[in-house]
């Protein structure tokens, strides 16, 4: 009985990784390529942070770290250990992000 459940869980994880890989590939295509970083977010799983060559960014959530790794590998993107240095410097933010992340604290307009 356990083998059947393990096989079903494995197949479900493979399907989820394949779906995420398609989404990662679509992001990369739209942004001239992409790189990523995996961030554990507790019981919710692992966040796949994507940064495009054009500075665009986005994220996806995988149910586990192993699914996130498999998706990134299938999509063929480079993964970084941390979100800092040259990798973080590639991110380009717009007015919305500015006001949400820093503008409010610095007296900028709110998005509220």
C-alpha atoms as a PDB file:
ATOM      1  CA  UNK A   1       0.000   0.000   0.000  1.00  0.00           C
ATOM      2  CA  UNK A   2       2.825   2.425   0.861  1.00  0.00           C
ATOM      3  CA  UNK A   3       4.451   1.879  -2.537  1.00  0.00           C
ATOM      4  CA  UNK A   4       1.261   2.957  -4.319  1.00  0.00           C
ATOM      5  CA  UNK A   5       1.052   6.168  -2.260  1.00  0.00           C
ATOM      6  CA  UNK A   6       4.772   6.898  -2.784  1.00  0.00           C
ATOM      7  CA  UNK A   7       4.385   6.379  -6.534  1.00  0.00           C
ATOM      8  CA  UNK A   8       1.340   8.663  -6.656  1.00  0.00           C
ATOM      9  CA  UNK A   9       3.155  11.330  -4.616  1.00  0.00           C
ATOM     10  CA  UNK A  10       6.195  11.093  -6.904  1.00  0.00           C
ATOM     11  CA  UNK A  11       4.060  11.432 -10.027  1.00  0.00           C
ATOM     12  CA  UNK A  12       2.218  14.407  -8.539  1.00  0.00           C
ATOM     13  CA  UNK A  13       5.535  16.096  -7.666  1.00  0.00           C
ATOM     14  CA  UNK A  14       6.823  15.465 -11.202  1.00  0.00           C
ATOM     15  CA  UNK A  15       3.660  17.000 -12.712  1.00  0.00           C
ATOM     16  CA  UNK A  16       3.939  20.048 -10.432  1.00  0.00           C
ATOM     17  CA  UNK A  17       7.621  20.484 -11.319  1.00  0.00           C
ATOM     18  CA  UNK A  18       6.794  20.244 -15.039  1.00  0.00           C
ATOM     19  CA  UNK A  19       4.040  22.870 -14.698  1.00  0.00           C
ATOM     20  CA  UNK A  20       6.353  25.217 -12.785  1.00  0.00           C
ATOM     21  CA  UNK A  21       9.115  24.641 -15.360  1.00  0.00           C
ATOM     22  CA  UNK A  22       6.725  25.771 -18.123  1.00  0.00           C
ATOM     23  CA  UNK A  23       5.930  28.926 -16.158  1.00  0.00           C
ATOM     24  CA  UNK A  24       9.626  29.596 -15.508  1.00  0.00           C
ATOM     25  CA  UNK A  25      10.423  29.072 -19.199  1.00  0.00           C
ATOM     26  CA  UNK A  26       7.629  31.444 -20.238  1.00  0.00           C
ATOM     27  CA  UNK A  27       8.977  34.091 -17.837  1.00  0.00           C
ATOM     28  CA  UNK A  28      12.503  33.606 -19.187  1.00  0.00           C
ATOM     29  CA  UNK A  29      11.288  33.912 -22.777  1.00  0.00           C
ATOM     30  CA  UNK A  30       9.388  37.109 -21.988  1.00  0.00           C
ATOM     31  CA  UNK A  31      12.373  38.678 -20.205  1.00  0.00           C
ATOM     32  CA  UNK A  32      15.305  37.674 -22.407  1.00  0.00           C
ATOM     33  CA  UNK A  33      16.418  34.913 -20.066  1.00  0.00           C
ATOM     34  CA  UNK A  34      16.189  34.401 -16.330  1.00  0.00           C
ATOM     35  CA  UNK A  35      18.050  33.386 -13.204  1.00  0.00           C
ATOM     36  CA  UNK A  36      16.570  32.330  -9.901  1.00  0.00           C
ATOM     37  CA  UNK A  37      16.950  31.779  -6.190  1.00  0.00           C
ATOM     38  CA  UNK A  38      15.057  29.363  -3.956  1.00  0.00           C
ATOM     39  CA  UNK A  39      13.780  30.591  -0.600  1.00  0.00           C
ATOM     40  CA  UNK A  40      12.206  28.276   1.980  1.00  0.00           C
ATOM     41  CA  UNK A  41       8.909  29.735   3.206  1.00  0.00           C
ATOM     42  CA  UNK A  42       7.952  27.192   5.840  1.00  0.00           C
ATOM     43  CA  UNK A  43       5.075  24.779   5.512  1.00  0.00           C
ATOM     44  CA  UNK A  44       3.879  26.590   2.389  1.00  0.00           C
ATOM     45  CA  UNK A  45       6.923  25.310   0.490  1.00  0.00           C
ATOM     46  CA  UNK A  46       9.666  27.090  -1.404  1.00  0.00           C
ATOM     47  CA  UNK A  47       9.498  30.387  -3.268  1.00  0.00           C
ATOM     48  CA  UNK A  48      11.208  30.486  -6.653  1.00  0.00           C
ATOM     49  CA  UNK A  49      12.345  34.081  -7.146  1.00  0.00           C
ATOM     50  CA  UNK A  50      12.989  34.863 -10.819  1.00  0.00           C
ATOM     51  CA  UNK A  51      14.952  37.774 -12.258  1.00  0.00           C
ATOM     52  CA  UNK A  52      14.913  38.354 -15.993  1.00  0.00           C
ATOM     53  CA  UNK A  53      17.801  39.679 -18.049  1.00  0.00           C
ATOM     54  CA  UNK A  54      15.759  42.863 -18.563  1.00  0.00           C
ATOM     55  CA  UNK A  55      15.447  43.397 -14.789  1.00  0.00           C
ATOM     56  CA  UNK A  56      11.860  42.184 -14.568  1.00  0.00           C
ATOM     57  CA  UNK A  57      11.146  39.912 -11.657  1.00  0.00           C
ATOM     58  CA  UNK A  58       8.515  37.586 -10.329  1.00  0.00           C
ATOM     59  CA  UNK A  59       8.064  34.563  -8.160  1.00  0.00           C
ATOM     60  CA  UNK A  60       6.330  31.215  -7.975  1.00  0.00           C
ATOM     61  CA  UNK A  61       5.691  28.915  -5.040  1.00  0.00           C
ATOM     62  CA  UNK A  62       6.515  25.214  -5.144  1.00  0.00           C
ATOM     63  CA  UNK A  63       5.129  22.788  -2.554  1.00  0.00           C
ATOM     64  CA  UNK A  64       8.645  21.648  -1.606  1.00  0.00           C
ATOM     65  CA  UNK A  65      12.311  22.472  -2.116  1.00  0.00           C
ATOM     66  CA  UNK A  66      12.832  19.342  -4.217  1.00  0.00           C
ATOM     67  CA  UNK A  67       9.970  20.294  -6.567  1.00  0.00           C
ATOM     68  CA  UNK A  68      11.380  23.826  -6.885  1.00  0.00           C
ATOM     69  CA  UNK A  69      14.848  22.475  -7.710  1.00  0.00           C
ATOM     70  CA  UNK A  70      13.429  20.044 -10.265  1.00  0.00           C
ATOM     71  CA  UNK A  71      11.404  22.829 -11.924  1.00  0.00           C
ATOM     72  CA  UNK A  72      14.417  25.132 -12.170  1.00  0.00           C
ATOM     73  CA  UNK A  73      16.528  22.318 -13.596  1.00  0.00           C
ATOM     74  CA  UNK A  74      13.867  21.408 -16.185  1.00  0.00           C
ATOM     75  CA  UNK A  75      13.606  25.087 -17.194  1.00  0.00           C
ATOM     76  CA  UNK A  76      17.395  25.333 -17.469  1.00  0.00           C
ATOM     77  CA  UNK A  77      17.868  28.440 -15.344  1.00  0.00           C
ATOM     78  CA  UNK A  78      20.851  29.260 -13.165  1.00  0.00           C
ATOM     79  CA  UNK A  79      20.107  29.186  -9.441  1.00  0.00           C
ATOM     80  CA  UNK A  80      21.889  31.435  -6.950  1.00  0.00           C
ATOM     81  CA  UNK A  81      22.530  30.491  -3.321  1.00  0.00           C
ATOM     82  CA  UNK A  82      21.396  33.892  -2.043  1.00  0.00           C
ATOM     83  CA  UNK A  83      19.640  37.003  -3.249  1.00  0.00           C
ATOM     84  CA  UNK A  84      22.481  39.484  -3.048  1.00  0.00           C
ATOM     85  CA  UNK A  85      25.350  41.045  -4.958  1.00  0.00           C
ATOM     86  CA  UNK A  86      25.274  41.068  -8.743  1.00  0.00           C
ATOM     87  CA  UNK A  87      22.112  38.955  -8.841  1.00  0.00           C
ATOM     88  CA  UNK A  88      20.079  41.364  -6.702  1.00  0.00           C
ATOM     89  CA  UNK A  89      21.479  44.330  -8.630  1.00  0.00           C
ATOM     90  CA  UNK A  90      19.783  43.041 -11.802  1.00  0.00           C
ATOM     91  CA  UNK A  91      16.294  43.721 -10.384  1.00  0.00           C
ATOM     92  CA  UNK A  92      14.577  46.820 -11.751  1.00  0.00           C
ATOM     93  CA  UNK A  93      11.667  48.137  -9.738  1.00  0.00           C
ATOM     94  CA  UNK A  94       8.971  50.522 -10.814  1.00  0.00           C
ATOM     95  CA  UNK A  95       6.947  53.172  -8.975  1.00  0.00           C
ATOM     96  CA  UNK A  96       4.646  50.616  -7.358  1.00  0.00           C
ATOM     97  CA  UNK A  97       7.496  48.664  -5.811  1.00  0.00           C
ATOM     98  CA  UNK A  98       9.261  51.850  -4.754  1.00  0.00           C
ATOM     99  CA  UNK A  99       6.293  53.167  -2.830  1.00  0.00           C
ATOM    100  CA  UNK A 100       5.495  49.786  -1.294  1.00  0.00           C
ATOM    101  CA  UNK A 101       9.057  48.927  -0.234  1.00  0.00           C
ATOM    102  CA  UNK A 102      10.604  52.282   0.587  1.00  0.00           C
ATOM    103  CA  UNK A 103       8.565  55.258  -0.554  1.00  0.00           C
ATOM    104  CA  UNK A 104       6.043  55.149   2.266  1.00  0.00           C
ATOM    105  CA  UNK A 105       8.777  55.182   4.909  1.00  0.00           C
ATOM    106  CA  UNK A 106      10.563  58.004   3.133  1.00  0.00           C
ATOM    107  CA  UNK A 107       7.481  60.177   2.764  1.00  0.00           C
ATOM    108  CA  UNK A 108       6.617  59.111  -0.771  1.00  0.00           C
ATOM    109  CA  UNK A 109       3.063  58.566  -2.014  1.00  0.00           C
ATOM    110  CA  UNK A 110       1.170  55.597  -0.675  1.00  0.00           C
ATOM    111  CA  UNK A 111      -0.523  52.988  -2.799  1.00  0.00           C
ATOM    112  CA  UNK A 112      -3.263  52.630  -0.300  1.00  0.00           C
END
